[in-house]
Amino acid sequence: MKLTSAILHGFSLGGHMASLAFT
């Protein structure tokens, strides 16, 4: 499903940004 894919992508992207912010 496109919606689930978008949510998973947004979640992984958000996690990546969070890891960069906390580094």
PDB file of N, CA and C in Angstrom:
ATOM      1  N   MET A   1       0.831  -1.207   0.000  1.00  0.00           N
ATOM      2  CA  MET A   1       0.000   0.000   0.000  1.00  0.00           C
ATOM      3  C   MET A   1       0.862   1.251   0.000  1.00  0.00           C
ATOM      4  N   LYS A   2       0.431   2.224  -0.764  1.00  0.00           N
ATOM      5  CA  LYS A   2       1.205   3.460  -0.913  1.00  0.00           C
ATOM      6  C   LYS A   2       1.273   4.229   0.405  1.00  0.00           C
ATOM      7  N   LEU A   3       0.163   4.253   1.142  1.00  0.00           N
ATOM      8  CA  LEU A   3       0.124   4.997   2.403  1.00  0.00           C
ATOM      9  C   LEU A   3       1.106   4.401   3.410  1.00  0.00           C
ATOM     10  N   THR A   4       1.085   3.070   3.539  1.00  0.00           N
ATOM     11  CA  THR A   4       1.998   2.402   4.471  1.00  0.00           C
ATOM     12  C   THR A   4       3.442   2.659   4.073  1.00  0.00           C
ATOM     13  N   SER A   5       3.716   2.610   2.771  1.00  0.00           N
ATOM     14  CA  SER A   5       5.072   2.861   2.273  1.00  0.00           C
ATOM     15  C   SER A   5       5.516   4.272   2.632  1.00  0.00           C
ATOM     16  N   ALA A   6       4.614   5.233   2.467  1.00  0.00           N
ATOM     17  CA  ALA A   6       4.940   6.627   2.770  1.00  0.00           C
ATOM     18  C   ALA A   6       5.209   6.804   4.264  1.00  0.00           C
ATOM     19  N   ILE A   7       4.411   6.127   5.092  1.00  0.00           N
ATOM     20  CA  ILE A   7       4.591   6.218   6.547  1.00  0.00           C
ATOM     21  C   ILE A   7       5.933   5.611   6.951  1.00  0.00           C
ATOM     22  N   LEU A   8       6.254   4.445   6.405  1.00  0.00           N
ATOM     23  CA  LEU A   8       7.522   3.794   6.736  1.00  0.00           C
ATOM     24  C   LEU A   8       8.696   4.640   6.272  1.00  0.00           C
ATOM     25  N   HIS A   9       8.588   5.236   5.101  1.00  0.00           N
ATOM     26  CA  HIS A   9       9.651   6.082   4.570  1.00  0.00           C
ATOM     27  C   HIS A   9       9.815   7.318   5.448  1.00  0.00           C
ATOM     28  N   GLY A  10       8.709   7.931   5.826  1.00  0.00           N
ATOM     29  CA  GLY A  10       8.745   9.118   6.679  1.00  0.00           C
ATOM     30  C   GLY A  10       9.327   8.788   8.046  1.00  0.00           C
ATOM     31  N   PHE A  11       8.994   7.598   8.561  1.00  0.00           N
ATOM     32  CA  PHE A  11       9.497   7.186   9.869  1.00  0.00           C
ATOM     33  C   PHE A  11      11.004   6.975   9.829  1.00  0.00           C
ATOM     34  N   SER A  12      11.491   6.289   8.787  1.00  0.00           N
ATOM     35  CA  SER A  12      12.929   6.038   8.658  1.00  0.00           C
ATOM     36  C   SER A  12      13.679   7.345   8.434  1.00  0.00           C
ATOM     37  N   LEU A  13      13.086   8.244   7.650  1.00  0.00           N
ATOM     38  CA  LEU A  13      13.706   9.545   7.395  1.00  0.00           C
ATOM     39  C   LEU A  13      13.745  10.362   8.684  1.00  0.00           C
ATOM     40  N   GLY A  14      12.658  10.327   9.452  1.00  0.00           N
ATOM     41  CA  GLY A  14      12.600  11.044  10.724  1.00  0.00           C
ATOM     42  C   GLY A  14      13.632  10.492  11.696  1.00  0.00           C
ATOM     43  N   GLY A  15      13.804   9.175  11.711  1.00  0.00           N
ATOM     44  CA  GLY A  15      14.788   8.550  12.589  1.00  0.00           C
ATOM     45  C   GLY A  15      16.195   8.951  12.182  1.00  0.00           C
ATOM     46  N   HIS A  16      16.444   9.062  10.886  1.00  0.00           N
ATOM     47  CA  HIS A  16      17.754   9.467  10.381  1.00  0.00           C
ATOM     48  C   HIS A  16      18.049  10.906  10.801  1.00  0.00           C
ATOM     49  N   MET A  17      17.063  11.777  10.663  1.00  0.00           N
ATOM     50  CA  MET A  17      17.224  13.182  11.052  1.00  0.00           C
ATOM     51  C   MET A  17      17.450  13.285  12.557  1.00  0.00           C
ATOM     52  N   ALA A  18      16.749  12.459  13.328  1.00  0.00           N
ATOM     53  CA  ALA A  18      16.896  12.478  14.785  1.00  0.00           C
ATOM     54  C   ALA A  18      18.306  12.037  15.177  1.00  0.00           C
ATOM     55  N   SER A  19      18.819  11.002  14.517  1.00  0.00           N
ATOM     56  CA  SER A  19      20.165  10.518  14.831  1.00  0.00           C
ATOM     57  C   SER A  19      21.206  11.582  14.485  1.00  0.00           C
ATOM     58  N   LEU A  20      20.972  12.319  13.396  1.00  0.00           N
ATOM     59  CA  LEU A  20      21.894  13.395  13.026  1.00  0.00           C
ATOM     60  C   LEU A  20      21.829  14.518  14.053  1.00  0.00           C
ATOM     61  N   ALA A  21      20.617  14.825  14.516  1.00  0.00           N
ATOM     62  CA  ALA A  21      20.425  15.917  15.471  1.00  0.00           C
ATOM     63  C   ALA A  21      21.070  15.590  16.815  1.00  0.00           C
ATOM     64  N   PHE A  22      21.016  14.310  17.200  1.00  0.00           N
ATOM     65  CA  PHE A  22      21.563  13.909  18.499  1.00  0.00           C
ATOM     66  C   PHE A  22      23.043  13.574  18.440  1.00  0.00           C
ATOM     67  N   THR A  23      23.620  13.622  17.265  1.00  0.00           N
ATOM     68  CA  THR A  23      25.044  13.296  17.137  1.00  0.00           C
ATOM     69  C   THR A  23      25.889  14.494  17.559  1.00  0.00           C
TER      70      THR A  23
END
